[in-house]
PDB file of N, CA and C in Angstrom:
ATOM      1  N   MET A   1     -92.177 -37.214 133.696  1.00  0.00           N
ATOM      2  CA  MET A   1     -92.992 -35.947 133.352  1.00  0.00           C
ATOM      3  C   MET A   1     -94.432 -36.305 133.271  1.00  0.00           C
ATOM      4  N   LEU A   2     -94.614 -37.372 132.173  1.00  0.00           N
ATOM      5  CA  LEU A   2     -96.145 -37.683 131.674  1.00  0.00           C
ATOM      6  C   LEU A   2     -96.868 -38.412 132.640  1.00  0.00           C
ATOM      7  N   LYS A   3     -95.986 -39.225 133.634  1.00  0.00           N
ATOM      8  CA  LYS A   3     -96.679 -40.079 134.668  1.00  0.00           C
ATOM      9  C   LYS A   3     -97.031 -39.197 135.817  1.00  0.00           C
ATOM     10  N   ASP A   4     -96.453 -38.029 136.212  1.00  0.00           N
ATOM     11  CA  ASP A   4     -96.618 -36.965 137.168  1.00  0.00           C
ATOM     12  C   ASP A   4     -98.060 -36.474 136.399  1.00  0.00           C
ATOM     13  N   LEU A   5     -97.867 -36.068 135.290  1.00  0.00           N
ATOM     14  CA  LEU A   5     -99.259 -35.488 134.777  1.00  0.00           C
ATOM     15  C   LEU A   5    -100.484 -36.257 135.251  1.00  0.00           C
ATOM     16  N   ILE A   6    -100.842 -37.531 134.414  1.00  0.00           N
ATOM     17  CA  ILE A   6    -101.757 -38.275 134.883  1.00  0.00           C
ATOM     18  C   ILE A   6    -102.069 -38.600 136.228  1.00  0.00           C
ATOM     19  N   GLU A   7    -100.798 -38.795 137.176  1.00  0.00           N
ATOM     20  CA  GLU A   7    -101.295 -38.978 138.498  1.00  0.00           C
ATOM     21  C   GLU A   7    -101.882 -37.625 138.942  1.00  0.00           C
ATOM     22  N   PHE A   8    -101.534 -36.559 138.717  1.00  0.00           N
ATOM     23  CA  PHE A   8    -102.073 -35.276 139.126  1.00  0.00           C
ATOM     24  C   PHE A   8    -103.642 -35.072 138.844  1.00  0.00           C
ATOM     25  N   ILE A   9    -103.832 -35.245 137.634  1.00  0.00           N
ATOM     26  CA  ILE A   9    -105.276 -35.534 136.862  1.00  0.00           C
ATOM     27  C   ILE A   9    -106.190 -36.468 137.741  1.00  0.00           C
ATOM     28  N   ALA A  10    -105.582 -37.562 137.951  1.00  0.00           N
ATOM     29  CA  ALA A  10    -106.251 -38.889 138.365  1.00  0.00           C
ATOM     30  C   ALA A  10    -106.655 -38.421 139.834  1.00  0.00           C
ATOM     31  N   LYS A  11    -105.623 -38.103 140.787  1.00  0.00           N
ATOM     32  CA  LYS A  11    -105.931 -37.457 142.081  1.00  0.00           C
ATOM     33  C   LYS A  11    -107.077 -36.596 142.336  1.00  0.00           C
ATOM     34  N   SER A  12    -106.755 -35.511 141.430  1.00  0.00           N
ATOM     35  CA  SER A  12    -107.845 -34.382 141.598  1.00  0.00           C
ATOM     36  C   SER A  12    -109.323 -34.994 141.124  1.00  0.00           C
ATOM     37  N   LEU A  13    -109.610 -35.926 140.541  1.00  0.00           N
ATOM     38  CA  LEU A  13    -110.876 -36.480 139.971  1.00  0.00           C
ATOM     39  C   LEU A  13    -111.514 -37.446 141.002  1.00  0.00           C
ATOM     40  N   VAL A  14    -110.814 -38.136 141.894  1.00  0.00           N
ATOM     41  CA  VAL A  14    -111.250 -39.418 142.588  1.00  0.00           C
ATOM     42  C   VAL A  14    -111.444 -38.848 144.054  1.00  0.00           C
ATOM     43  N   ASP A  15    -112.450 -39.930 144.745  1.00  0.00           N
ATOM     44  CA  ASP A  15    -112.482 -39.609 146.264  1.00  0.00           C
ATOM     45  C   ASP A  15    -111.220 -40.017 147.144  1.00  0.00           C
ATOM     46  N   ASN A  16    -110.643 -41.280 146.611  1.00  0.00           N
ATOM     47  CA  ASN A  16    -109.526 -41.797 147.475  1.00  0.00           C
ATOM     48  C   ASN A  16    -108.223 -41.477 146.774  1.00  0.00           C
ATOM     49  N   PRO A  17    -107.741 -40.297 146.586  1.00  0.00           N
ATOM     50  CA  PRO A  17    -106.483 -40.092 145.878  1.00  0.00           C
ATOM     51  C   PRO A  17    -105.238 -41.050 146.526  1.00  0.00           C
ATOM     52  N   ASP A  18    -105.297 -41.340 147.644  1.00  0.00           N
ATOM     53  CA  ASP A  18    -104.307 -42.422 147.924  1.00  0.00           C
ATOM     54  C   ASP A  18    -104.305 -43.905 147.243  1.00  0.00           C
ATOM     55  N   SER A  19    -105.404 -43.994 146.718  1.00  0.00           N
ATOM     56  CA  SER A  19    -105.445 -45.570 145.993  1.00  0.00           C
ATOM     57  C   SER A  19    -105.105 -45.118 144.557  1.00  0.00           C
ATOM     58  N   VAL A  20    -104.624 -44.160 144.096  1.00  0.00           N
ATOM     59  CA  VAL A  20    -104.204 -43.716 142.956  1.00  0.00           C
ATOM     60  C   VAL A  20    -102.849 -44.200 142.478  1.00  0.00           C
ATOM     61  N   SER A  21    -102.523 -45.264 141.644  1.00  0.00           N
ATOM     62  CA  SER A  21    -101.160 -45.537 141.471  1.00  0.00           C
ATOM     63  C   SER A  21    -101.014 -45.482 139.681  1.00  0.00           C
ATOM     64  N   VAL A  22     -99.739 -45.010 139.540  1.00  0.00           N
ATOM     65  CA  VAL A  22     -99.677 -44.852 138.015  1.00  0.00           C
ATOM     66  C   VAL A  22     -98.103 -45.477 137.811  1.00  0.00           C
ATOM     67  N   THR A  23     -97.958 -46.329 136.756  1.00  0.00           N
ATOM     68  CA  THR A  23     -96.749 -46.876 136.356  1.00  0.00           C
ATOM     69  C   THR A  23     -96.513 -46.481 134.947  1.00  0.00           C
ATOM     70  N   GLU A  24     -95.009 -46.357 134.574  1.00  0.00           N
ATOM     71  CA  GLU A  24     -94.874 -46.076 133.293  1.00  0.00           C
ATOM     72  C   GLU A  24     -93.938 -47.206 132.847  1.00  0.00           C
ATOM     73  N   ILE A  25     -94.280 -47.722 131.674  1.00  0.00           N
ATOM     74  CA  ILE A  25     -93.632 -48.617 131.014  1.00  0.00           C
ATOM     75  C   ILE A  25     -93.039 -48.022 129.682  1.00  0.00           C
ATOM     76  N   GLU A  26     -91.681 -47.740 129.547  1.00  0.00           N
ATOM     77  CA  GLU A  26     -91.036 -47.053 128.580  1.00  0.00           C
ATOM     78  C   GLU A  26     -90.498 -48.074 127.661  1.00  0.00           C
ATOM     79  N   GLY A  27     -90.805 -47.636 126.267  1.00  0.00           N
ATOM     80  CA  GLY A  27     -90.347 -48.390 125.018  1.00  0.00           C
ATOM     81  C   GLY A  27     -89.327 -47.510 124.542  1.00  0.00           C
ATOM     82  N   GLU A  28     -88.765 -47.688 123.426  1.00  0.00           N
ATOM     83  CA  GLU A  28     -88.112 -46.891 122.575  1.00  0.00           C
ATOM     84  C   GLU A  28     -88.834 -45.702 121.963  1.00  0.00           C
ATOM     85  N   GLN A  29     -89.959 -46.025 121.457  1.00  0.00           N
ATOM     86  CA  GLN A  29     -90.740 -44.721 120.853  1.00  0.00           C
ATOM     87  C   GLN A  29     -92.033 -44.723 121.561  1.00  0.00           C
ATOM     88  N   THR A  30     -92.613 -45.531 122.362  1.00  0.00           N
ATOM     89  CA  THR A  30     -93.797 -45.373 122.628  1.00  0.00           C
ATOM     90  C   THR A  30     -93.605 -45.572 124.332  1.00  0.00           C
ATOM     91  N   SER A  31     -94.506 -44.820 125.127  1.00  0.00           N
ATOM     92  CA  SER A  31     -94.485 -45.478 126.614  1.00  0.00           C
ATOM     93  C   SER A  31     -95.788 -45.488 126.951  1.00  0.00           C
ATOM     94  N   VAL A  32     -96.220 -46.454 127.715  1.00  0.00           N
ATOM     95  CA  VAL A  32     -97.460 -47.019 127.972  1.00  0.00           C
ATOM     96  C   VAL A  32     -97.545 -46.334 129.609  1.00  0.00           C
ATOM     97  N   ILE A  33     -98.583 -45.852 129.882  1.00  0.00           N
ATOM     98  CA  ILE A  33     -98.777 -45.311 131.205  1.00  0.00           C
ATOM     99  C   ILE A  33    -100.023 -46.115 131.882  1.00  0.00           C
ATOM    100  N   GLU A  34     -99.993 -46.835 132.854  1.00  0.00           N
ATOM    101  CA  GLU A  34    -101.139 -47.568 133.363  1.00  0.00           C
ATOM    102  C   GLU A  34    -101.471 -46.907 134.853  1.00  0.00           C
ATOM    103  N   LEU A  35    -102.898 -46.735 134.705  1.00  0.00           N
ATOM    104  CA  LEU A  35    -103.410 -46.110 135.783  1.00  0.00           C
ATOM    105  C   LEU A  35    -104.347 -46.951 136.669  1.00  0.00           C
ATOM    106  N   LYS A  36    -104.228 -47.025 137.921  1.00  0.00           N
ATOM    107  CA  LYS A  36    -105.017 -47.920 138.536  1.00  0.00           C
ATOM    108  C   LYS A  36    -105.618 -46.984 139.751  1.00  0.00           C
ATOM    109  N   VAL A  37    -107.022 -47.215 139.891  1.00  0.00           N
ATOM    110  CA  VAL A  37    -107.700 -46.315 140.855  1.00  0.00           C
ATOM    111  C   VAL A  37    -108.468 -47.414 141.802  1.00  0.00           C
ATOM    112  N   ALA A  38    -109.034 -46.820 142.834  1.00  0.00           N
ATOM    113  CA  ALA A  38    -109.970 -47.749 143.672  1.00  0.00           C
ATOM    114  C   ALA A  38    -111.355 -47.913 142.653  1.00  0.00           C
ATOM    115  N   LYS A  39    -111.991 -49.197 142.939  1.00  0.00           N
ATOM    116  CA  LYS A  39    -113.086 -49.904 142.040  1.00  0.00           C
ATOM    117  C   LYS A  39    -114.208 -48.556 142.133  1.00  0.00           C
ATOM    118  N   GLU A  40    -114.500 -48.110 143.351  1.00  0.00           N
ATOM    119  CA  GLU A  40    -115.585 -47.036 143.258  1.00  0.00           C
ATOM    120  C   GLU A  40    -115.417 -45.607 142.619  1.00  0.00           C
ATOM    121  N   ASP A  41    -113.764 -45.548 142.277  1.00  0.00           N
ATOM    122  CA  ASP A  41    -113.441 -44.494 141.679  1.00  0.00           C
ATOM    123  C   ASP A  41    -113.394 -44.418 140.119  1.00  0.00           C
ATOM    124  N   LEU A  42    -113.533 -45.706 139.674  1.00  0.00           N
ATOM    125  CA  LEU A  42    -113.337 -45.977 138.222  1.00  0.00           C
ATOM    126  C   LEU A  42    -114.250 -45.404 137.262  1.00  0.00           C
ATOM    127  N   GLY A  43    -115.596 -45.066 137.679  1.00  0.00           N
ATOM    128  CA  GLY A  43    -116.506 -44.213 137.050  1.00  0.00           C
ATOM    129  C   GLY A  43    -115.893 -42.827 136.737  1.00  0.00           C
ATOM    130  N   LYS A  44    -115.567 -42.417 138.008  1.00  0.00           N
ATOM    131  CA  LYS A  44    -115.083 -40.862 137.823  1.00  0.00           C
ATOM    132  C   LYS A  44    -113.792 -40.696 136.911  1.00  0.00           C
ATOM    133  N   VAL A  45    -113.110 -41.569 136.798  1.00  0.00           N
ATOM    134  CA  VAL A  45    -111.808 -41.501 135.604  1.00  0.00           C
ATOM    135  C   VAL A  45    -112.226 -41.695 134.408  1.00  0.00           C
ATOM    136  N   ILE A  46    -113.314 -42.717 134.276  1.00  0.00           N
ATOM    137  CA  ILE A  46    -113.663 -43.093 132.864  1.00  0.00           C
ATOM    138  C   ILE A  46    -114.730 -42.022 132.447  1.00  0.00           C
ATOM    139  N   GLY A  47    -115.735 -41.274 133.165  1.00  0.00           N
ATOM    140  CA  GLY A  47    -116.467 -40.331 133.001  1.00  0.00           C
ATOM    141  C   GLY A  47    -117.624 -40.922 132.115  1.00  0.00           C
ATOM    142  N   LYS A  48    -118.718 -40.070 131.725  1.00  0.00           N
ATOM    143  CA  LYS A  48    -119.763 -40.646 130.876  1.00  0.00           C
ATOM    144  C   LYS A  48    -119.278 -40.801 129.462  1.00  0.00           C
ATOM    145  N   GLN A  49    -119.762 -42.154 129.091  1.00  0.00           N
ATOM    146  CA  GLN A  49    -119.254 -42.455 127.593  1.00  0.00           C
ATOM    147  C   GLN A  49    -117.770 -42.275 127.513  1.00  0.00           C
ATOM    148  N   GLY A  50    -116.919 -42.194 128.454  1.00  0.00           N
ATOM    149  CA  GLY A  50    -115.486 -42.266 128.351  1.00  0.00           C
ATOM    150  C   GLY A  50    -115.003 -40.940 128.049  1.00  0.00           C
ATOM    151  N   ARG A  51    -115.650 -40.094 128.251  1.00  0.00           N
ATOM    152  CA  ARG A  51    -115.379 -38.662 128.022  1.00  0.00           C
ATOM    153  C   ARG A  51    -114.251 -38.145 128.887  1.00  0.00           C
ATOM    154  N   THR A  52    -114.116 -38.231 130.236  1.00  0.00           N
ATOM    155  CA  THR A  52    -113.124 -37.922 131.018  1.00  0.00           C
ATOM    156  C   THR A  52    -111.757 -38.664 130.582  1.00  0.00           C
ATOM    157  N   ALA A  53    -111.696 -40.045 130.483  1.00  0.00           N
ATOM    158  CA  ALA A  53    -110.651 -40.857 129.922  1.00  0.00           C
ATOM    159  C   ALA A  53    -110.212 -40.216 128.498  1.00  0.00           C
ATOM    160  N   ARG A  54    -111.221 -39.839 127.617  1.00  0.00           N
ATOM    161  CA  ARG A  54    -110.714 -39.539 126.247  1.00  0.00           C
ATOM    162  C   ARG A  54    -109.948 -38.151 126.562  1.00  0.00           C
ATOM    163  N   ALA A  55    -110.498 -37.198 127.235  1.00  0.00           N
ATOM    164  CA  ALA A  55    -109.785 -35.850 127.863  1.00  0.00           C
ATOM    165  C   ALA A  55    -108.424 -36.398 128.293  1.00  0.00           C
ATOM    166  N   MET A  56    -108.252 -37.012 129.189  1.00  0.00           N
ATOM    167  CA  MET A  56    -107.032 -37.320 129.801  1.00  0.00           C
ATOM    168  C   MET A  56    -106.091 -37.945 128.684  1.00  0.00           C
ATOM    169  N   ARG A  57    -106.485 -38.617 127.556  1.00  0.00           N
ATOM    170  CA  ARG A  57    -105.713 -39.268 126.544  1.00  0.00           C
ATOM    171  C   ARG A  57    -105.369 -38.131 125.662  1.00  0.00           C
ATOM    172  N   THR A  58    -106.189 -37.032 125.421  1.00  0.00           N
ATOM    173  CA  THR A  58    -105.878 -36.000 124.683  1.00  0.00           C
ATOM    174  C   THR A  58    -104.930 -35.126 125.278  1.00  0.00           C
ATOM    175  N   ILE A  59    -104.817 -34.953 126.589  1.00  0.00           N
ATOM    176  CA  ILE A  59    -103.803 -34.000 127.215  1.00  0.00           C
ATOM    177  C   ILE A  59    -102.450 -34.850 127.141  1.00  0.00           C
ATOM    178  N   LEU A  60    -102.645 -36.129 127.234  1.00  0.00           N
ATOM    179  CA  LEU A  60    -101.333 -36.951 127.315  1.00  0.00           C
ATOM    180  C   LEU A  60    -100.626 -36.829 126.061  1.00  0.00           C
ATOM    181  N   GLY A  61    -101.599 -36.856 125.046  1.00  0.00           N
ATOM    182  CA  GLY A  61    -100.952 -36.671 123.484  1.00  0.00           C
ATOM    183  C   GLY A  61    -100.356 -35.538 123.322  1.00  0.00           C
ATOM    184  N   ALA A  62    -100.873 -34.434 123.580  1.00  0.00           N
ATOM    185  CA  ALA A  62    -100.400 -33.173 123.473  1.00  0.00           C
ATOM    186  C   ALA A  62     -99.091 -32.925 124.221  1.00  0.00           C
ATOM    187  N   ALA A  63     -99.003 -33.419 125.731  1.00  0.00           N
ATOM    188  CA  ALA A  63     -97.899 -33.521 126.237  1.00  0.00           C
ATOM    189  C   ALA A  63     -96.739 -34.256 125.629  1.00  0.00           C
ATOM    190  N   SER A  64     -97.129 -35.471 125.220  1.00  0.00           N
ATOM    191  CA  SER A  64     -96.018 -36.521 124.670  1.00  0.00           C
ATOM    192  C   SER A  64     -95.560 -35.891 123.336  1.00  0.00           C
ATOM    193  N   THR A  65     -96.466 -35.228 122.412  1.00  0.00           N
ATOM    194  CA  THR A  65     -95.753 -34.843 121.091  1.00  0.00           C
ATOM    195  C   THR A  65     -94.815 -33.602 121.522  1.00  0.00           C
ATOM    196  N   LYS A  66     -95.000 -32.709 122.617  1.00  0.00           N
ATOM    197  CA  LYS A  66     -93.938 -31.912 122.920  1.00  0.00           C
ATOM    198  C   LYS A  66     -92.408 -32.404 123.181  1.00  0.00           C
ATOM    199  N   ILE A  67     -92.539 -33.881 123.627  1.00  0.00           N
ATOM    200  CA  ILE A  67     -91.265 -34.538 124.063  1.00  0.00           C
ATOM    201  C   ILE A  67     -90.886 -35.450 122.953  1.00  0.00           C
ATOM    202  N   ARG A  68     -91.726 -35.267 121.768  1.00  0.00           N
ATOM    203  CA  ARG A  68     -91.651 -36.218 120.646  1.00  0.00           C
ATOM    204  C   ARG A  68     -91.518 -37.619 121.031  1.00  0.00           C
ATOM    205  N   LYS A  69     -92.544 -38.083 121.728  1.00  0.00           N
ATOM    206  CA  LYS A  69     -92.553 -39.399 122.248  1.00  0.00           C
ATOM    207  C   LYS A  69     -94.207 -39.740 122.177  1.00  0.00           C
ATOM    208  N   ARG A  70     -94.638 -41.029 121.743  1.00  0.00           N
ATOM    209  CA  ARG A  70     -95.940 -41.472 121.686  1.00  0.00           C
ATOM    210  C   ARG A  70     -96.023 -42.289 123.066  1.00  0.00           C
ATOM    211  N   SER A  71     -97.256 -41.968 123.604  1.00  0.00           N
ATOM    212  CA  SER A  71     -97.771 -42.292 124.843  1.00  0.00           C
ATOM    213  C   SER A  71     -99.106 -42.806 124.980  1.00  0.00           C
ATOM    214  N   VAL A  72     -99.264 -44.055 125.635  1.00  0.00           N
ATOM    215  CA  VAL A  72    -100.647 -44.388 125.567  1.00  0.00           C
ATOM    216  C   VAL A  72    -101.292 -44.817 127.096  1.00  0.00           C
ATOM    217  N   LEU A  73    -102.315 -44.334 127.548  1.00  0.00           N
ATOM    218  CA  LEU A  73    -103.055 -44.443 128.516  1.00  0.00           C
ATOM    219  C   LEU A  73    -103.707 -45.761 128.733  1.00  0.00           C
ATOM    220  N   GLU A  74    -103.517 -46.534 129.615  1.00  0.00           N
ATOM    221  CA  GLU A  74    -104.305 -47.794 129.819  1.00  0.00           C
ATOM    222  C   GLU A  74    -105.016 -47.552 131.468  1.00  0.00           C
ATOM    223  N   ILE A  75    -106.221 -47.609 131.435  1.00  0.00           N
ATOM    224  CA  ILE A  75    -106.754 -47.534 132.752  1.00  0.00           C
ATOM    225  C   ILE A  75    -107.130 -49.102 133.278  1.00  0.00           C
ATOM    226  N   LEU A  76    -106.458 -49.420 134.080  1.00  0.00           N
ATOM    227  CA  LEU A  76    -106.626 -50.716 134.825  1.00  0.00           C
ATOM    228  C   LEU A  76    -107.781 -50.900 135.713  1.00  0.00           C
ATOM    229  N   GLU A  77    -108.226 -52.096 135.834  1.00  0.00           N
ATOM    230  CA  GLU A  77    -109.297 -52.094 136.769  1.00  0.00           C
ATOM    231  C   GLU A  77    -108.881 -52.951 138.047  1.00  0.00           C
TER     232      GLU A  77
END
């Protein structure tokens, strides 16, 4: 569910939606969501001073609170 949420947001932001890949590594209490985009789209996902990335992390945090799990978003280069 959280993986799909991040994938949807990322694909909406970038120029190359086909190059977006999201993987979820689930632990017992924490799940790590790794987001990979094309190099030229990295700036769009991170945003000015990391604002977009912070907003995505906030949405992820709110969604993961609902399912009582901790989630971390990692943006890979």
